[in-house]
Protein backbone atom coordinates (compact mmCIF):
# COMPACT_ATOMS: atom_id res chain seq x y z
CA MET A 1 8.63 -68.58 5.01
CA LEU A 2 11.30 -71.03 4.03
CA LEU A 3 14.57 -69.67 2.76
CA THR A 4 16.73 -71.76 0.48
CA ALA A 5 20.49 -71.80 0.61
CA CYS A 6 21.96 -70.41 -2.56
CA GLY A 7 24.63 -67.84 -3.11
CA LYS A 8 26.34 -65.77 -0.48
CA LYS A 9 25.12 -66.07 3.11
CA PRO A 10 23.68 -63.00 4.83
CA THR A 11 25.22 -61.65 8.01
CA GLU A 12 23.36 -61.69 11.29
CA ALA A 13 22.97 -57.90 11.00
CA GLN A 14 21.38 -58.28 7.56
CA CYS A 15 19.06 -60.95 8.93
CA ASP A 16 18.16 -58.72 11.87
CA GLU A 17 17.11 -55.96 9.45
CA PHE A 18 15.31 -58.56 7.33
CA ALA A 19 13.36 -59.79 10.36
CA ASP A 20 12.37 -56.26 11.37
CA HIS A 21 11.17 -55.54 7.84
CA PHE A 22 9.33 -58.85 7.58
CA VAL A 23 7.56 -58.30 10.91
CA LYS A 24 6.59 -54.79 9.78
CA LEU A 25 5.17 -56.16 6.52
CA LEU A 26 3.22 -58.81 8.43
CA GLU A 27 1.74 -56.19 10.72
CA GLU A 28 0.87 -53.94 7.79
CA SER A 29 -0.76 -56.82 5.92
CA ARG A 30 -3.62 -56.72 8.41
CA GLU A 31 -6.28 -54.05 8.10
CA LYS A 32 -6.37 -53.66 11.85
CA PRO A 33 -3.27 -55.21 13.39
CA ASP A 34 -4.12 -55.92 16.98
CA SER A 35 -1.85 -56.82 19.85
CA ARG A 36 -2.20 -60.56 19.11
CA ILE A 37 -0.89 -60.12 15.56
CA LYS A 38 1.98 -57.94 16.76
CA LYS A 39 2.87 -60.44 19.48
CA LEU A 40 2.74 -63.37 17.06
CA ALA A 41 4.92 -61.56 14.53
CA ASN A 42 7.45 -60.55 17.16
CA ASP A 43 7.45 -64.03 18.70
CA GLN A 44 8.47 -65.43 15.30
CA ARG A 45 11.22 -62.84 14.80
CA ASP A 46 13.98 -64.98 16.35
CA LYS A 47 12.98 -67.95 14.20
CA VAL A 48 13.06 -65.76 11.11
CA ILE A 49 16.57 -64.56 11.97
CA GLU A 50 17.74 -68.11 12.65
CA ALA A 51 16.36 -69.38 9.33
CA CYS A 52 17.80 -66.39 7.51
CA VAL A 53 21.30 -66.94 8.89
CA SER A 54 21.30 -70.71 8.44
CA GLU A 55 19.35 -71.14 5.20
CA GLY A 56 19.04 -67.76 3.53
CA SER A 57 20.99 -65.95 0.87
CA VAL A 58 21.91 -62.31 0.45
CA ALA A 59 19.79 -62.23 -2.72
CA GLU A 60 16.71 -63.40 -0.80
CA VAL A 61 17.27 -60.87 1.97
CA GLU A 62 17.74 -58.06 -0.54
CA CYS A 63 14.61 -59.12 -2.42
CA VAL A 64 12.43 -59.06 0.69
CA MET A 65 13.94 -55.77 1.86
CA ALA A 66 12.96 -54.17 -1.46
CA GLN A 67 9.30 -55.15 -1.13
CA THR A 68 6.57 -53.01 0.38
CA SER A 69 4.01 -55.70 1.17
CA ILE A 70 3.69 -59.39 1.98
CA ALA A 71 1.88 -59.84 -1.34
CA ALA A 72 4.89 -58.35 -3.14
CA VAL A 73 7.22 -60.68 -1.23
CA GLU A 74 5.11 -63.67 -2.24
CA ALA A 75 5.00 -62.54 -5.87
CA ASN A 76 8.62 -61.45 -6.28
CA CYS A 77 10.81 -63.36 -3.84
CA LYS A 78 10.75 -67.07 -4.56
C-alpha cells in the first residue's frame, strides 16, 4: 500500500496503531490465516509504519482505521 503525502502528517503512535489495524485486516482477509500469513503481515509491519510516517497523512490513517476489511480499505481509502 502506497501512502501519498497530503495534509497533516501522522505521528509515530498513530502509525503504530495504523500498522496494527492493517495487519489485523490482512490476517482477517484470509479464510484460514495460517502462520505464514501472520508472519508475512508482521514482517511488513515496520515497513508500513515507516511509509506511514514518511509519506502518509492523518486523513489516510483515519480512513484505514475506520474500515473493517481490506476490501473496504481498497474501496474507500484512495
